[in-house]
Amino acid sequence: MDPQIPDISQLGAAIWEIREEKGIRGEKLALAADVHPTHLNRAENHGKNLTWNTLSAIARVLEVPISAVVLRAEEIAKEGRPPKVRPDAD
């Protein structure tokens, strides 16, 4: 079976899902990760401007390894499901 390689928007969706499960507001995550809230929103909703440094900072604040974010994104890709609906999606 071929592995499902997530795209960048699925990686952003994985960040959003983990953040929601942990009950962390976007603004709080952005501040703690030293990421502008708009930048975080674009990363979560579209994967835009999601760099290794940003992913690393977000994972640190979420207290998960980067691999957990990637595994979640792989699950999203494997299931072929759309990311959970984000009320703040632009």
C-alpha atoms as a PDB file:
ATOM      1  CA  MET A   1       0.000   0.000   0.000  1.00  0.00           C
ATOM      2  CA  ASP A   2       1.344   3.401  -0.975  1.00  0.00           C
ATOM      3  CA  PRO A   3       1.684   5.887   1.852  1.00  0.00           C
ATOM      4  CA  GLN A   4      -0.581   8.913   1.702  1.00  0.00           C
ATOM      5  CA  ILE A   5       1.541  12.003   1.475  1.00  0.00           C
ATOM      6  CA  PRO A   6      -0.353  14.940   2.934  1.00  0.00           C
ATOM      7  CA  ASP A   7      -0.365  18.253   1.163  1.00  0.00           C
ATOM      8  CA  ILE A   8       0.418  21.490   2.932  1.00  0.00           C
ATOM      9  CA  SER A   9      -3.243  22.337   3.582  1.00  0.00           C
ATOM     10  CA  GLN A  10      -3.702  18.963   5.317  1.00  0.00           C
ATOM     11  CA  LEU A  11      -0.708  19.775   7.504  1.00  0.00           C
ATOM     12  CA  GLY A  12      -2.352  23.068   8.428  1.00  0.00           C
ATOM     13  CA  ALA A  13      -5.609  21.256   9.161  1.00  0.00           C
ATOM     14  CA  ALA A  14      -3.729  18.874  11.442  1.00  0.00           C
ATOM     15  CA  ILE A  15      -2.376  21.813  13.429  1.00  0.00           C
ATOM     16  CA  TRP A  16      -5.873  23.227  13.761  1.00  0.00           C
ATOM     17  CA  GLU A  17      -7.354  19.905  14.889  1.00  0.00           C
ATOM     18  CA  ILE A  18      -4.662  19.344  17.526  1.00  0.00           C
ATOM     19  CA  ARG A  19      -5.034  22.910  18.783  1.00  0.00           C
ATOM     20  CA  GLU A  20      -8.807  22.525  19.049  1.00  0.00           C
ATOM     21  CA  GLU A  21      -8.489  19.202  20.880  1.00  0.00           C
ATOM     22  CA  LYS A  22      -6.178  20.829  23.393  1.00  0.00           C
ATOM     23  CA  GLY A  23      -8.571  23.745  23.847  1.00  0.00           C
ATOM     24  CA  ILE A  24      -6.009  26.370  22.907  1.00  0.00           C
ATOM     25  CA  ARG A  25      -7.285  29.533  21.269  1.00  0.00           C
ATOM     26  CA  GLY A  26      -5.546  30.620  18.090  1.00  0.00           C
ATOM     27  CA  GLU A  27      -4.482  33.947  19.531  1.00  0.00           C
ATOM     28  CA  LYS A  28      -2.862  32.245  22.529  1.00  0.00           C
ATOM     29  CA  LEU A  29      -0.998  29.779  20.307  1.00  0.00           C
ATOM     30  CA  ALA A  30       0.169  32.537  17.988  1.00  0.00           C
ATOM     31  CA  LEU A  31       1.475  34.639  20.875  1.00  0.00           C
ATOM     32  CA  ALA A  32       3.256  31.722  22.548  1.00  0.00           C
ATOM     33  CA  ALA A  33       4.768  30.540  19.249  1.00  0.00           C
ATOM     34  CA  ASP A  34       5.794  34.098  18.311  1.00  0.00           C
ATOM     35  CA  VAL A  35       3.701  33.920  15.144  1.00  0.00           C
ATOM     36  CA  HIS A  36       1.365  36.673  13.998  1.00  0.00           C
ATOM     37  CA  PRO A  37      -2.287  35.543  14.401  1.00  0.00           C
ATOM     38  CA  THR A  38      -2.967  36.172  10.709  1.00  0.00           C
ATOM     39  CA  HIS A  39       0.017  34.027   9.790  1.00  0.00           C
ATOM     40  CA  LEU A  40      -1.263  31.217  12.033  1.00  0.00           C
ATOM     41  CA  ASN A  41      -4.733  31.506  10.541  1.00  0.00           C
ATOM     42  CA  ARG A  42      -3.384  31.221   6.999  1.00  0.00           C
ATOM     43  CA  ALA A  43      -1.183  28.287   7.986  1.00  0.00           C
ATOM     44  CA  GLU A  44      -4.069  26.420   9.611  1.00  0.00           C
ATOM     45  CA  ASN A  45      -6.608  27.162   6.927  1.00  0.00           C
ATOM     46  CA  HIS A  46      -4.509  26.829   3.791  1.00  0.00           C
ATOM     47  CA  GLY A  47      -1.021  25.761   4.793  1.00  0.00           C
ATOM     48  CA  LYS A  48       0.242  29.099   3.484  1.00  0.00           C
ATOM     49  CA  ASN A  49       3.639  30.271   4.709  1.00  0.00           C
ATOM     50  CA  LEU A  50       4.035  27.185   6.902  1.00  0.00           C
ATOM     51  CA  THR A  51       7.799  26.949   7.319  1.00  0.00           C
ATOM     52  CA  TRP A  52       9.798  24.467   9.342  1.00  0.00           C
ATOM     53  CA  ASN A  53      10.476  27.172  11.957  1.00  0.00           C
ATOM     54  CA  THR A  54       6.776  27.974  12.257  1.00  0.00           C
ATOM     55  CA  LEU A  55       5.821  24.306  12.464  1.00  0.00           C
ATOM     56  CA  SER A  56       8.493  23.699  15.079  1.00  0.00           C
ATOM     57  CA  ALA A  57       7.350  26.634  17.218  1.00  0.00           C
ATOM     58  CA  ILE A  58       3.697  25.585  16.975  1.00  0.00           C
ATOM     59  CA  ALA A  59       4.477  21.965  17.865  1.00  0.00           C
ATOM     60  CA  ARG A  60       6.521  23.128  20.861  1.00  0.00           C
ATOM     61  CA  VAL A  61       3.636  25.199  22.193  1.00  0.00           C
ATOM     62  CA  LEU A  62       1.138  22.396  21.526  1.00  0.00           C
ATOM     63  CA  GLU A  63       3.524  20.079  23.392  1.00  0.00           C
ATOM     64  CA  VAL A  64       3.553  17.494  20.616  1.00  0.00           C
ATOM     65  CA  PRO A  65       6.393  16.299  18.425  1.00  0.00           C
ATOM     66  CA  ILE A  66       6.372  17.486  14.847  1.00  0.00           C
ATOM     67  CA  SER A  67       5.883  13.853  13.877  1.00  0.00           C
ATOM     68  CA  ALA A  68       2.477  13.891  15.633  1.00  0.00           C
ATOM     69  CA  VAL A  69       1.370  16.776  13.430  1.00  0.00           C
ATOM     70  CA  VAL A  70       2.600  14.985  10.315  1.00  0.00           C
ATOM     71  CA  LEU A  71       0.892  11.734  11.365  1.00  0.00           C
ATOM     72  CA  ARG A  72      -2.386  13.599  11.842  1.00  0.00           C
ATOM     73  CA  ALA A  73      -1.990  15.150   8.393  1.00  0.00           C
ATOM     74  CA  GLU A  74      -1.346  11.681   6.961  1.00  0.00           C
ATOM     75  CA  GLU A  75      -4.565  10.442   8.611  1.00  0.00           C
ATOM     76  CA  ILE A  76      -6.488  13.292   7.006  1.00  0.00           C
ATOM     77  CA  ALA A  77      -4.977  12.433   3.621  1.00  0.00           C
ATOM     78  CA  LYS A  78      -5.508   8.677   4.012  1.00  0.00           C
ATOM     79  CA  GLU A  79      -9.131   9.055   4.982  1.00  0.00           C
ATOM     80  CA  GLY A  80      -9.639  11.421   2.079  1.00  0.00           C
ATOM     81  CA  ARG A  81     -11.738  13.530   4.366  1.00  0.00           C
ATOM     82  CA  PRO A  82     -11.885  17.239   4.257  1.00  0.00           C
ATOM     83  CA  PRO A  83     -10.416  18.973   7.261  1.00  0.00           C
ATOM     84  CA  LYS A  84     -12.868  19.839  10.010  1.00  0.00           C
ATOM     85  CA  VAL A  85     -14.756  23.002   9.232  1.00  0.00           C
ATOM     86  CA  ARG A  86     -12.979  25.947  10.751  1.00  0.00           C
ATOM     87  CA  PRO A  87     -15.320  28.802  11.648  1.00  0.00           C
ATOM     88  CA  ASP A  88     -12.595  31.395  11.142  1.00  0.00           C
ATOM     89  CA  ALA A  89     -11.481  30.186   7.703  1.00  0.00           C
ATOM     90  CA  ASP A  90     -10.888  33.066   5.355  1.00  0.00           C
END
